[in-house]
Amino acid sequence: METFWSGVRLPTITVTRGNAIGSTNP
């Protein structure tokens, strides 16, 4: 389960950061 959640959390964090960067630098 730890591997599963790690695989889910990492992409989520990446997407969140990507959205933040995209919003800051359109």
C-alpha atoms as a PDB file:
ATOM      1  CA  MET A   1       0.000   0.000   0.000  1.00  0.00           C
ATOM      2  CA  GLU A   2       2.871   2.366   0.713  1.00  0.00           C
ATOM      3  CA  THR A   3       4.100   1.937  -2.851  1.00  0.00           C
ATOM      4  CA  PHE A   4       0.595   2.585  -4.164  1.00  0.00           C
ATOM      5  CA  TRP A   5       0.139   5.784  -2.151  1.00  0.00           C
ATOM      6  CA  SER A   6       3.654   6.963  -3.053  1.00  0.00           C
ATOM      7  CA  GLY A   7       2.775   6.507  -6.723  1.00  0.00           C
ATOM      8  CA  VAL A   8      -0.403   8.546  -6.199  1.00  0.00           C
ATOM      9  CA  ARG A   9       1.059  11.335  -4.065  1.00  0.00           C
ATOM     10  CA  LEU A  10       4.125  12.119  -6.183  1.00  0.00           C
ATOM     11  CA  PRO A  11       2.176  12.856  -9.411  1.00  0.00           C
ATOM     12  CA  THR A  12      -0.360  14.874  -7.384  1.00  0.00           C
ATOM     13  CA  ILE A  13       2.389  17.053  -5.906  1.00  0.00           C
ATOM     14  CA  THR A  14       3.969  17.474  -9.339  1.00  0.00           C
ATOM     15  CA  VAL A  15       0.662  18.541 -10.884  1.00  0.00           C
ATOM     16  CA  THR A  16      -0.025  20.967  -8.027  1.00  0.00           C
ATOM     17  CA  ARG A  17       3.400  22.566  -8.440  1.00  0.00           C
ATOM     18  CA  GLY A  18       2.965  22.662 -12.211  1.00  0.00           C
ATOM     19  CA  ASN A  19      -0.354  24.500 -11.833  1.00  0.00           C
ATOM     20  CA  ALA A  20       1.200  26.958  -9.378  1.00  0.00           C
ATOM     21  CA  ILE A  21       4.105  27.629 -11.741  1.00  0.00           C
ATOM     22  CA  GLY A  22       1.735  27.946 -14.708  1.00  0.00           C
ATOM     23  CA  SER A  23      -0.419  30.439 -12.803  1.00  0.00           C
ATOM     24  CA  THR A  24       2.614  32.453 -11.685  1.00  0.00           C
ATOM     25  CA  ASN A  25       4.255  32.447 -15.115  1.00  0.00           C
ATOM     26  CA  PRO A  26       1.530  32.290 -17.771  1.00  0.00           C
END
